[in-house]
Amino acid sequence: DQRNDENLIVAQLHVAFLKAHNKLVRLIRSGEIPS
């Protein structure tokens, strides 16, 4: 959704969700979060 690049705070919040997903992937792959 391009509207998440309309103001910087929402854009940075979108980045936080991107990073949270990627961290979840890494923890699931490593077994720290059980699948």
PDB file of all heavy atoms in Angstrom:
ATOM      1  N   ASP A   1       0.861  -1.189   0.000  1.00  0.00           N
ATOM      2  CA  ASP A   1       0.000   0.000   0.000  1.00  0.00           C
ATOM      3  C   ASP A   1       0.891   1.229   0.000  1.00  0.00           C
ATOM      4  O   ASP A   1       1.596   1.493   0.980  1.00  0.00           O
ATOM      5  CB  ASP A   1      -0.914   0.009   1.228  1.00  0.00           C
ATOM      6  CG  ASP A   1      -2.000   1.075   1.143  1.00  0.00           C
ATOM      7  OD1 ASP A   1      -1.714   2.170   0.631  1.00  0.00           O
ATOM      8  OD2 ASP A   1      -3.122   0.813   1.595  1.00  0.00           O
ATOM      9  N   GLN A   2       0.866   1.985  -1.085  1.00  0.00           N
ATOM     10  CA  GLN A   2       1.738   3.150  -1.227  1.00  0.00           C
ATOM     11  C   GLN A   2       1.469   4.232  -0.193  1.00  0.00           C
ATOM     12  O   GLN A   2       2.321   5.086   0.055  1.00  0.00           O
ATOM     13  CB  GLN A   2       1.608   3.727  -2.641  1.00  0.00           C
ATOM     14  CG  GLN A   2       2.348   2.943  -3.704  1.00  0.00           C
ATOM     15  CD  GLN A   2       3.850   2.962  -3.484  1.00  0.00           C
ATOM     16  OE1 GLN A   2       4.437   3.998  -3.206  1.00  0.00           O
ATOM     17  NE2 GLN A   2       4.471   1.784  -3.583  1.00  0.00           N
ATOM     18  N   ARG A   3       0.302   4.219   0.428  1.00  0.00           N
ATOM     19  CA  ARG A   3       0.004   5.246   1.435  1.00  0.00           C
ATOM     20  C   ARG A   3       0.926   5.139   2.649  1.00  0.00           C
ATOM     21  O   ARG A   3       1.045   6.098   3.409  1.00  0.00           O
ATOM     22  CB  ARG A   3      -1.460   5.136   1.867  1.00  0.00           C
ATOM     23  CG  ARG A   3      -2.455   5.481   0.779  1.00  0.00           C
ATOM     24  CD  ARG A   3      -3.872   5.233   1.243  1.00  0.00           C
ATOM     25  NE  ARG A   3      -4.093   3.826   1.534  1.00  0.00           N
ATOM     26  CZ  ARG A   3      -5.167   3.353   2.180  1.00  0.00           C
ATOM     27  NH1 ARG A   3      -6.100   4.187   2.616  1.00  0.00           N
ATOM     28  NH2 ARG A   3      -5.299   2.050   2.393  1.00  0.00           N
ATOM     29  N   ASN A   4       1.560   3.989   2.830  1.00  0.00           N
ATOM     30  CA  ASN A   4       2.489   3.866   3.964  1.00  0.00           C
ATOM     31  C   ASN A   4       3.800   4.601   3.715  1.00  0.00           C
ATOM     32  O   ASN A   4       4.690   4.575   4.567  1.00  0.00           O
ATOM     33  CB  ASN A   4       2.745   2.397   4.282  1.00  0.00           C
ATOM     34  CG  ASN A   4       1.594   1.771   5.041  1.00  0.00           C
ATOM     35  OD1 ASN A   4       0.634   2.445   5.396  1.00  0.00           O
ATOM     36  ND2 ASN A   4       1.670   0.468   5.280  1.00  0.00           N
ATOM     37  N   ASP A   5       3.916   5.263   2.579  1.00  0.00           N
ATOM     38  CA  ASP A   5       5.050   6.156   2.328  1.00  0.00           C
ATOM     39  C   ASP A   5       4.589   7.606   2.256  1.00  0.00           C
ATOM     40  O   ASP A   5       5.249   8.453   1.668  1.00  0.00           O
ATOM     41  CB  ASP A   5       5.763   5.764   1.026  1.00  0.00           C
ATOM     42  CG  ASP A   5       7.160   6.386   0.901  1.00  0.00           C
ATOM     43  OD1 ASP A   5       7.754   6.734   1.942  1.00  0.00           O
ATOM     44  OD2 ASP A   5       7.649   6.526  -0.235  1.00  0.00           O
ATOM     45  N   GLU A   6       3.451   7.919   2.869  1.00  0.00           N
ATOM     46  CA  GLU A   6       2.935   9.286   2.844  1.00  0.00           C
ATOM     47  C   GLU A   6       3.539  10.158   3.938  1.00  0.00           C
ATOM     48  O   GLU A   6       3.663  11.367   3.755  1.00  0.00           O
ATOM     49  CB  GLU A   6       1.410   9.275   3.000  1.00  0.00           C
ATOM     50  CG  GLU A   6       0.682   8.930   1.722  1.00  0.00           C
ATOM     51  CD  GLU A   6      -0.827   8.942   1.905  1.00  0.00           C
ATOM     52  OE1 GLU A   6      -1.302   8.960   3.061  1.00  0.00           O
ATOM     53  OE2 GLU A   6      -1.528   8.937   0.886  1.00  0.00           O
ATOM     54  N   ASN A   7       3.843   9.569   5.094  1.00  0.00           N
ATOM     55  CA  ASN A   7       4.536  10.340   6.113  1.00  0.00           C
ATOM     56  C   ASN A   7       5.562   9.432   6.780  1.00  0.00           C
ATOM     57  O   ASN A   7       5.443   8.207   6.778  1.00  0.00           O
ATOM     58  CB  ASN A   7       3.574  10.978   7.118  1.00  0.00           C
ATOM     59  CG  ASN A   7       3.011   9.995   8.120  1.00  0.00           C
ATOM     60  OD1 ASN A   7       3.730   9.482   8.980  1.00  0.00           O
ATOM     61  ND2 ASN A   7       1.709   9.735   8.030  1.00  0.00           N
ATOM     62  N   LEU A   8       6.583  10.046   7.355  1.00  0.00           N
ATOM     63  CA  LEU A   8       7.768   9.310   7.767  1.00  0.00           C
ATOM     64  C   LEU A   8       7.515   8.381   8.956  1.00  0.00           C
ATOM     65  O   LEU A   8       8.122   7.317   9.051  1.00  0.00           O
ATOM     66  CB  LEU A   8       8.893  10.296   8.101  1.00  0.00           C
ATOM     67  CG  LEU A   8      10.307   9.733   8.161  1.00  0.00           C
ATOM     68  CD1 LEU A   8      10.636   8.897   6.940  1.00  0.00           C
ATOM     69  CD2 LEU A   8      11.304  10.871   8.324  1.00  0.00           C
ATOM     70  N   ILE A   9       6.607   8.753   9.862  1.00  0.00           N
ATOM     71  CA  ILE A   9       6.373   7.903  11.029  1.00  0.00           C
ATOM     72  C   ILE A   9       5.690   6.608  10.601  1.00  0.00           C
ATOM     73  O   ILE A   9       6.071   5.510  11.041  1.00  0.00           O
ATOM     74  CB  ILE A   9       5.562   8.647  12.103  1.00  0.00           C
ATOM     75  CG1 ILE A   9       6.322   9.895  12.572  1.00  0.00           C
ATOM     76  CG2 ILE A   9       5.282   7.735  13.292  1.00  0.00           C
ATOM     77  CD1 ILE A   9       5.566  10.750  13.567  1.00  0.00           C
ATOM     78  N   VAL A  10       4.692   6.693   9.744  1.00  0.00           N
ATOM     79  CA  VAL A  10       4.045   5.478   9.245  1.00  0.00           C
ATOM     80  C   VAL A  10       5.039   4.646   8.430  1.00  0.00           C
ATOM     81  O   VAL A  10       5.064   3.417   8.523  1.00  0.00           O
ATOM     82  CB  VAL A  10       2.798   5.816   8.405  1.00  0.00           C
ATOM     83  CG1 VAL A  10       2.252   4.571   7.716  1.00  0.00           C
ATOM     84  CG2 VAL A  10       1.715   6.416   9.298  1.00  0.00           C
ATOM     85  N   ALA A  11       5.873   5.313   7.628  1.00  0.00           N
ATOM     86  CA  ALA A  11       6.876   4.587   6.849  1.00  0.00           C
ATOM     87  C   ALA A  11       7.835   3.828   7.758  1.00  0.00           C
ATOM     88  O   ALA A  11       8.177   2.666   7.494  1.00  0.00           O
ATOM     89  CB  ALA A  11       7.643   5.558   5.949  1.00  0.00           C
ATOM     90  N   GLN A  12       8.287   4.467   8.829  1.00  0.00           N
ATOM     91  CA  GLN A  12       9.190   3.795   9.751  1.00  0.00           C
ATOM     92  C   GLN A  12       8.478   2.665  10.509  1.00  0.00           C
ATOM     93  O   GLN A  12       9.083   1.642  10.827  1.00  0.00           O
ATOM     94  CB  GLN A  12       9.780   4.800  10.733  1.00  0.00           C
ATOM     95  CG  GLN A  12      10.740   5.809  10.092  1.00  0.00           C
ATOM     96  CD  GLN A  12      12.128   5.214   9.869  1.00  0.00           C
ATOM     97  OE1 GLN A  12      12.932   5.107  10.776  1.00  0.00           O
ATOM     98  NE2 GLN A  12      12.403   4.830   8.625  1.00  0.00           N
ATOM     99  N   LEU A  13       7.187   2.824  10.775  1.00  0.00           N
ATOM    100  CA  LEU A  13       6.421   1.750  11.395  1.00  0.00           C
ATOM    101  C   LEU A  13       6.308   0.559  10.445  1.00  0.00           C
ATOM    102  O   LEU A  13       6.403  -0.608  10.870  1.00  0.00           O
ATOM    103  CB  LEU A  13       5.034   2.254  11.795  1.00  0.00           C
ATOM    104  CG  LEU A  13       4.149   1.292  12.584  1.00  0.00           C
ATOM    105  CD1 LEU A  13       4.815   0.886  13.893  1.00  0.00           C
ATOM    106  CD2 LEU A  13       2.786   1.929  12.861  1.00  0.00           C
ATOM    107  N   HIS A  14       6.128   0.839   9.157  1.00  0.00           N
ATOM    108  CA  HIS A  14       6.100  -0.235   8.160  1.00  0.00           C
ATOM    109  C   HIS A  14       7.436  -0.986   8.165  1.00  0.00           C
ATOM    110  O   HIS A  14       7.464  -2.223   8.111  1.00  0.00           O
ATOM    111  CB  HIS A  14       5.818   0.357   6.774  1.00  0.00           C
ATOM    112  CG  HIS A  14       5.512  -0.658   5.726  1.00  0.00           C
ATOM    113  ND1 HIS A  14       4.258  -0.840   5.197  1.00  0.00           N
ATOM    114  CD2 HIS A  14       6.306  -1.566   5.090  1.00  0.00           C
ATOM    115  CE1 HIS A  14       4.289  -1.809   4.301  1.00  0.00           C
ATOM    116  NE2 HIS A  14       5.529  -2.256   4.202  1.00  0.00           N
ATOM    117  N   VAL A  15       8.543  -0.247   8.252  1.00  0.00           N
ATOM    118  CA  VAL A  15       9.864  -0.880   8.322  1.00  0.00           C
ATOM    119  C   VAL A  15       9.948  -1.786   9.557  1.00  0.00           C
ATOM    120  O   VAL A  15      10.510  -2.891   9.493  1.00  0.00           O
ATOM    121  CB  VAL A  15      10.980   0.181   8.351  1.00  0.00           C
ATOM    122  CG1 VAL A  15      12.339  -0.457   8.638  1.00  0.00           C
ATOM    123  CG2 VAL A  15      11.033   0.942   7.028  1.00  0.00           C
ATOM    124  N   ALA A  16       9.382  -1.352  10.667  1.00  0.00           N
ATOM    125  CA  ALA A  16       9.413  -2.164  11.889  1.00  0.00           C
ATOM    126  C   ALA A  16       8.697  -3.493  11.671  1.00  0.00           C
ATOM    127  O   ALA A  16       9.146  -4.545  12.154  1.00  0.00           O
ATOM    128  CB  ALA A  16       8.779  -1.397  13.047  1.00  0.00           C
ATOM    129  N   PHE A  17       7.569  -3.484  10.957  1.00  0.00           N
ATOM    130  CA  PHE A  17       6.863  -4.737  10.662  1.00  0.00           C
ATOM    131  C   PHE A  17       7.687  -5.621   9.729  1.00  0.00           C
ATOM    132  O   PHE A  17       7.708  -6.849   9.895  1.00  0.00           O
ATOM    133  CB  PHE A  17       5.489  -4.439  10.061  1.00  0.00           C
ATOM    134  CG  PHE A  17       4.417  -4.201  11.080  1.00  0.00           C
ATOM    135  CD1 PHE A  17       4.162  -2.923  11.552  1.00  0.00           C
ATOM    136  CD2 PHE A  17       3.677  -5.252  11.590  1.00  0.00           C
ATOM    137  CE1 PHE A  17       3.175  -2.693  12.503  1.00  0.00           C
ATOM    138  CE2 PHE A  17       2.696  -5.038  12.542  1.00  0.00           C
ATOM    139  CZ  PHE A  17       2.441  -3.753  13.008  1.00  0.00           C
ATOM    140  N   LEU A  18       8.361  -5.017   8.745  1.00  0.00           N
ATOM    141  CA  LEU A  18       9.233  -5.805   7.865  1.00  0.00           C
ATOM    142  C   LEU A  18      10.314  -6.512   8.681  1.00  0.00           C
ATOM    143  O   LEU A  18      10.578  -7.713   8.506  1.00  0.00           O
ATOM    144  CB  LEU A  18       9.891  -4.900   6.823  1.00  0.00           C
ATOM    145  CG  LEU A  18       8.988  -4.125   5.864  1.00  0.00           C
ATOM    146  CD1 LEU A  18       9.832  -3.237   4.951  1.00  0.00           C
ATOM    147  CD2 LEU A  18       8.124  -5.068   5.030  1.00  0.00           C
ATOM    148  N   LYS A  19      10.940  -5.767   9.586  1.00  0.00           N
ATOM    149  CA  LYS A  19      12.026  -6.336  10.386  1.00  0.00           C
ATOM    150  C   LYS A  19      11.501  -7.385  11.372  1.00  0.00           C
ATOM    151  O   LYS A  19      12.180  -8.393  11.637  1.00  0.00           O
ATOM    152  CB  LYS A  19      12.748  -5.233  11.146  1.00  0.00           C
ATOM    153  CG  LYS A  19      13.574  -4.314  10.260  1.00  0.00           C
ATOM    154  CD  LYS A  19      14.333  -3.319  11.123  1.00  0.00           C
ATOM    155  CE  LYS A  19      15.284  -2.483  10.296  1.00  0.00           C
ATOM    156  NZ  LYS A  19      16.108  -1.602  11.137  1.00  0.00           N
ATOM    157  N   ALA A  20      10.318  -7.164  11.920  1.00  0.00           N
ATOM    158  CA  ALA A  20       9.755  -8.133  12.856  1.00  0.00           C
ATOM    159  C   ALA A  20       9.499  -9.459  12.144  1.00  0.00           C
ATOM    160  O   ALA A  20       9.775 -10.538  12.687  1.00  0.00           O
ATOM    161  CB  ALA A  20       8.469  -7.587  13.471  1.00  0.00           C
ATOM    162  N   HIS A  21       8.959  -9.390  10.915  1.00  0.00           N
ATOM    163  CA  HIS A  21       8.752 -10.630  10.155  1.00  0.00           C
ATOM    164  C   HIS A  21      10.075 -11.344   9.914  1.00  0.00           C
ATOM    165  O   HIS A  21      10.178 -12.565  10.132  1.00  0.00           O
ATOM    166  CB  HIS A  21       8.083 -10.333   8.816  1.00  0.00           C
ATOM    167  CG  HIS A  21       8.113 -11.505   7.878  1.00  0.00           C
ATOM    168  ND1 HIS A  21       7.148 -12.479   7.868  1.00  0.00           N
ATOM    169  CD2 HIS A  21       9.032 -11.881   6.934  1.00  0.00           C
ATOM    170  CE1 HIS A  21       7.461 -13.407   6.974  1.00  0.00           C
ATOM    171  NE2 HIS A  21       8.589 -13.062   6.389  1.00  0.00           N
ATOM    172  N   ASN A  22      11.072 -10.606   9.468  1.00  0.00           N
ATOM    173  CA  ASN A  22      12.351 -11.238   9.149  1.00  0.00           C
ATOM    174  C   ASN A  22      12.994 -11.865  10.387  1.00  0.00           C
ATOM    175  O   ASN A  22      13.617 -12.922  10.312  1.00  0.00           O
ATOM    176  CB  ASN A  22      13.299 -10.223   8.515  1.00  0.00           C
ATOM    177  CG  ASN A  22      12.836  -9.797   7.128  1.00  0.00           C
ATOM    178  OD1 ASN A  22      11.943 -10.415   6.538  1.00  0.00           O
ATOM    179  ND2 ASN A  22      13.423  -8.738   6.605  1.00  0.00           N
ATOM    180  N   LYS A  23      12.838 -11.218  11.538  1.00  0.00           N
ATOM    181  CA  LYS A  23      13.390 -11.791  12.763  1.00  0.00           C
ATOM    182  C   LYS A  23      12.640 -13.069  13.138  1.00  0.00           C
ATOM    183  O   LYS A  23      13.247 -14.060  13.579  1.00  0.00           O
ATOM    184  CB  LYS A  23      13.334 -10.783  13.902  1.00  0.00           C
ATOM    185  CG  LYS A  23      14.000 -11.294  15.176  1.00  0.00           C
ATOM    186  CD  LYS A  23      14.150 -10.201  16.216  1.00  0.00           C
ATOM    187  CE  LYS A  23      14.854 -10.715  17.466  1.00  0.00           C
ATOM    188  NZ  LYS A  23      15.032  -9.659  18.479  1.00  0.00           N
ATOM    189  N   LEU A  24      11.334 -13.073  12.956  1.00  0.00           N
ATOM    190  CA  LEU A  24      10.556 -14.274  13.217  1.00  0.00           C
ATOM    191  C   LEU A  24      11.032 -15.431  12.343  1.00  0.00           C
ATOM    192  O   LEU A  24      11.167 -16.570  12.807  1.00  0.00           O
ATOM    193  CB  LEU A  24       9.068 -14.011  12.988  1.00  0.00           C
ATOM    194  CG  LEU A  24       8.336 -13.224  14.074  1.00  0.00           C
ATOM    195  CD1 LEU A  24       6.960 -12.804  13.588  1.00  0.00           C
ATOM    196  CD2 LEU A  24       8.215 -14.043  15.353  1.00  0.00           C
ATOM    197  N   VAL A  25      11.286 -15.160  11.067  1.00  0.00           N
ATOM    198  CA  VAL A  25      11.772 -16.199  10.154  1.00  0.00           C
ATOM    199  C   VAL A  25      13.076 -16.783  10.678  1.00  0.00           C
ATOM    200  O   VAL A  25      13.255 -18.016  10.734  1.00  0.00           O
ATOM    201  CB  VAL A  25      11.959 -15.634   8.726  1.00  0.00           C
ATOM    202  CG1 VAL A  25      12.774 -16.599   7.869  1.00  0.00           C
ATOM    203  CG2 VAL A  25      10.613 -15.363   8.078  1.00  0.00           C
ATOM    204  N   ARG A  26      13.989 -15.923  11.082  1.00  0.00           N
ATOM    205  CA  ARG A  26      15.301 -16.403  11.553  1.00  0.00           C
ATOM    206  C   ARG A  26      15.155 -17.238  12.831  1.00  0.00           C
ATOM    207  O   ARG A  26      15.833 -18.264  12.985  1.00  0.00           O
ATOM    208  CB  ARG A  26      16.237 -15.216  11.775  1.00  0.00           C
ATOM    209  CG  ARG A  26      16.622 -14.492  10.480  1.00  0.00           C
ATOM    210  CD  ARG A  26      17.762 -13.524  10.706  1.00  0.00           C
ATOM    211  NE  ARG A  26      17.395 -12.415  11.564  1.00  0.00           N
ATOM    212  CZ  ARG A  26      16.868 -11.278  11.134  1.00  0.00           C
ATOM    213  NH1 ARG A  26      16.635 -11.089   9.829  1.00  0.00           N
ATOM    214  NH2 ARG A  26      16.582 -10.299  11.972  1.00  0.00           N
ATOM    215  N   LEU A  27      14.292 -16.823  13.737  1.00  0.00           N
ATOM    216  CA  LEU A  27      14.112 -17.558  14.989  1.00  0.00           C
ATOM    217  C   LEU A  27      13.397 -18.886  14.760  1.00  0.00           C
ATOM    218  O   LEU A  27      13.659 -19.870  15.460  1.00  0.00           O
ATOM    219  CB  LEU A  27      13.348 -16.704  15.996  1.00  0.00           C
ATOM    220  CG  LEU A  27      14.086 -15.457  16.515  1.00  0.00           C
ATOM    221  CD1 LEU A  27      13.188 -14.660  17.460  1.00  0.00           C
ATOM    222  CD2 LEU A  27      15.379 -15.844  17.217  1.00  0.00           C
ATOM    223  N   ILE A  28      12.508 -18.933  13.792  1.00  0.00           N
ATOM    224  CA  ILE A  28      11.841 -20.197  13.457  1.00  0.00           C
ATOM    225  C   ILE A  28      12.832 -21.149  12.793  1.00  0.00           C
ATOM    226  O   ILE A  28      12.879 -22.343  13.112  1.00  0.00           O
ATOM    227  CB  ILE A  28      10.622 -19.932  12.546  1.00  0.00           C
ATOM    228  CG1 ILE A  28       9.526 -19.221  13.337  1.00  0.00           C
ATOM    229  CG2 ILE A  28      10.101 -21.237  11.937  1.00  0.00           C
ATOM    230  CD1 ILE A  28       8.403 -18.675  12.488  1.00  0.00           C
ATOM    231  N   ARG A  29      13.655 -20.621  11.898  1.00  0.00           N
ATOM    232  CA  ARG A  29      14.660 -21.475  11.241  1.00  0.00           C
ATOM    233  C   ARG A  29      15.640 -22.042  12.259  1.00  0.00           C
ATOM    234  O   ARG A  29      16.083 -23.181  12.146  1.00  0.00           O
ATOM    235  CB  ARG A  29      15.410 -20.682  10.178  1.00  0.00           C
ATOM    236  CG  ARG A  29      14.635 -20.478   8.886  1.00  0.00           C
ATOM    237  CD  ARG A  29      15.571 -20.132   7.742  1.00  0.00           C
ATOM    238  NE  ARG A  29      16.436 -19.010   8.042  1.00  0.00           N
ATOM    239  CZ  ARG A  29      16.405 -17.831   7.428  1.00  0.00           C
ATOM    240  NH1 ARG A  29      15.522 -17.607   6.478  1.00  0.00           N
ATOM    241  NH2 ARG A  29      17.248 -16.878   7.760  1.00  0.00           N
ATOM    242  N   SER A  30      16.004 -21.238  13.255  1.00  0.00           N
ATOM    243  CA  SER A  30      16.990 -21.682  14.243  1.00  0.00           C
ATOM    244  C   SER A  30      16.396 -22.591  15.319  1.00  0.00           C
ATOM    245  O   SER A  30      17.128 -23.207  16.087  1.00  0.00           O
ATOM    246  CB  SER A  30      17.636 -20.470  14.924  1.00  0.00           C
ATOM    247  OG  SER A  30      16.697 -19.822  15.782  1.00  0.00           O
ATOM    248  N   GLY A  31      15.058 -22.656  15.376  1.00  0.00           N
ATOM    249  CA  GLY A  31      14.406 -23.467  16.385  1.00  0.00           C
ATOM    250  C   GLY A  31      14.141 -22.748  17.689  1.00  0.00           C
ATOM    251  O   GLY A  31      13.558 -23.326  18.606  1.00  0.00           O
ATOM    252  N   GLU A  32      14.544 -21.470  17.800  1.00  0.00           N
ATOM    253  CA  GLU A  32      14.283 -20.716  19.035  1.00  0.00           C
ATOM    254  C   GLU A  32      12.793 -20.453  19.217  1.00  0.00           C
ATOM    255  O   GLU A  32      12.325 -20.294  20.348  1.00  0.00           O
ATOM    256  CB  GLU A  32      15.064 -19.401  19.015  1.00  0.00           C
ATOM    257  CG  GLU A  32      16.572 -19.588  19.061  1.00  0.00           C
ATOM    258  CD  GLU A  32      17.308 -18.272  18.966  1.00  0.00           C
ATOM    259  OE1 GLU A  32      17.188 -17.456  19.897  1.00  0.00           O
ATOM    260  OE2 GLU A  32      17.997 -18.049  17.945  1.00  0.00           O
ATOM    261  N   ILE A  33      12.064 -20.371  18.117  1.00  0.00           N
ATOM    262  CA  ILE A  33      10.605 -20.355  18.158  1.00  0.00           C
ATOM    263  C   ILE A  33      10.149 -21.658  17.514  1.00  0.00           C
ATOM    264  O   ILE A  33      10.410 -21.894  16.329  1.00  0.00           O
ATOM    265  CB  ILE A  33      10.026 -19.146  17.401  1.00  0.00           C
ATOM    266  CG1 ILE A  33      10.396 -17.842  18.114  1.00  0.00           C
ATOM    267  CG2 ILE A  33       8.513 -19.264  17.284  1.00  0.00           C
ATOM    268  CD1 ILE A  33       9.888 -16.599  17.416  1.00  0.00           C
ATOM    269  N   PRO A  34       9.498 -22.545  18.272  1.00  0.00           N
ATOM    270  CA  PRO A  34       9.097 -23.839  17.720  1.00  0.00           C
ATOM    271  C   PRO A  34       8.112 -23.676  16.566  1.00  0.00           C
ATOM    272  O   PRO A  34       7.211 -22.828  16.612  1.00  0.00           O
ATOM    273  CB  PRO A  34       8.440 -24.556  18.900  1.00  0.00           C
ATOM    274  CG  PRO A  34       8.915 -23.833  20.116  1.00  0.00           C
ATOM    275  CD  PRO A  34       9.157 -22.414  19.698  1.00  0.00           C
ATOM    276  N   SER A  35       8.282 -24.472  15.534  1.00  0.00           N
ATOM    277  CA  SER A  35       7.359 -24.467  14.410  1.00  0.00           C
ATOM    278  C   SER A  35       6.083 -25.196  14.800  1.00  0.00           C
ATOM    279  O   SER A  35       6.126 -26.296  15.350  1.00  0.00           O
ATOM    280  CB  SER A  35       8.004 -25.146  13.196  1.00  0.00           C
ATOM    281  OG  SER A  35       7.082 -25.213  12.130  1.00  0.00           O
TER     282      SER A  35
END
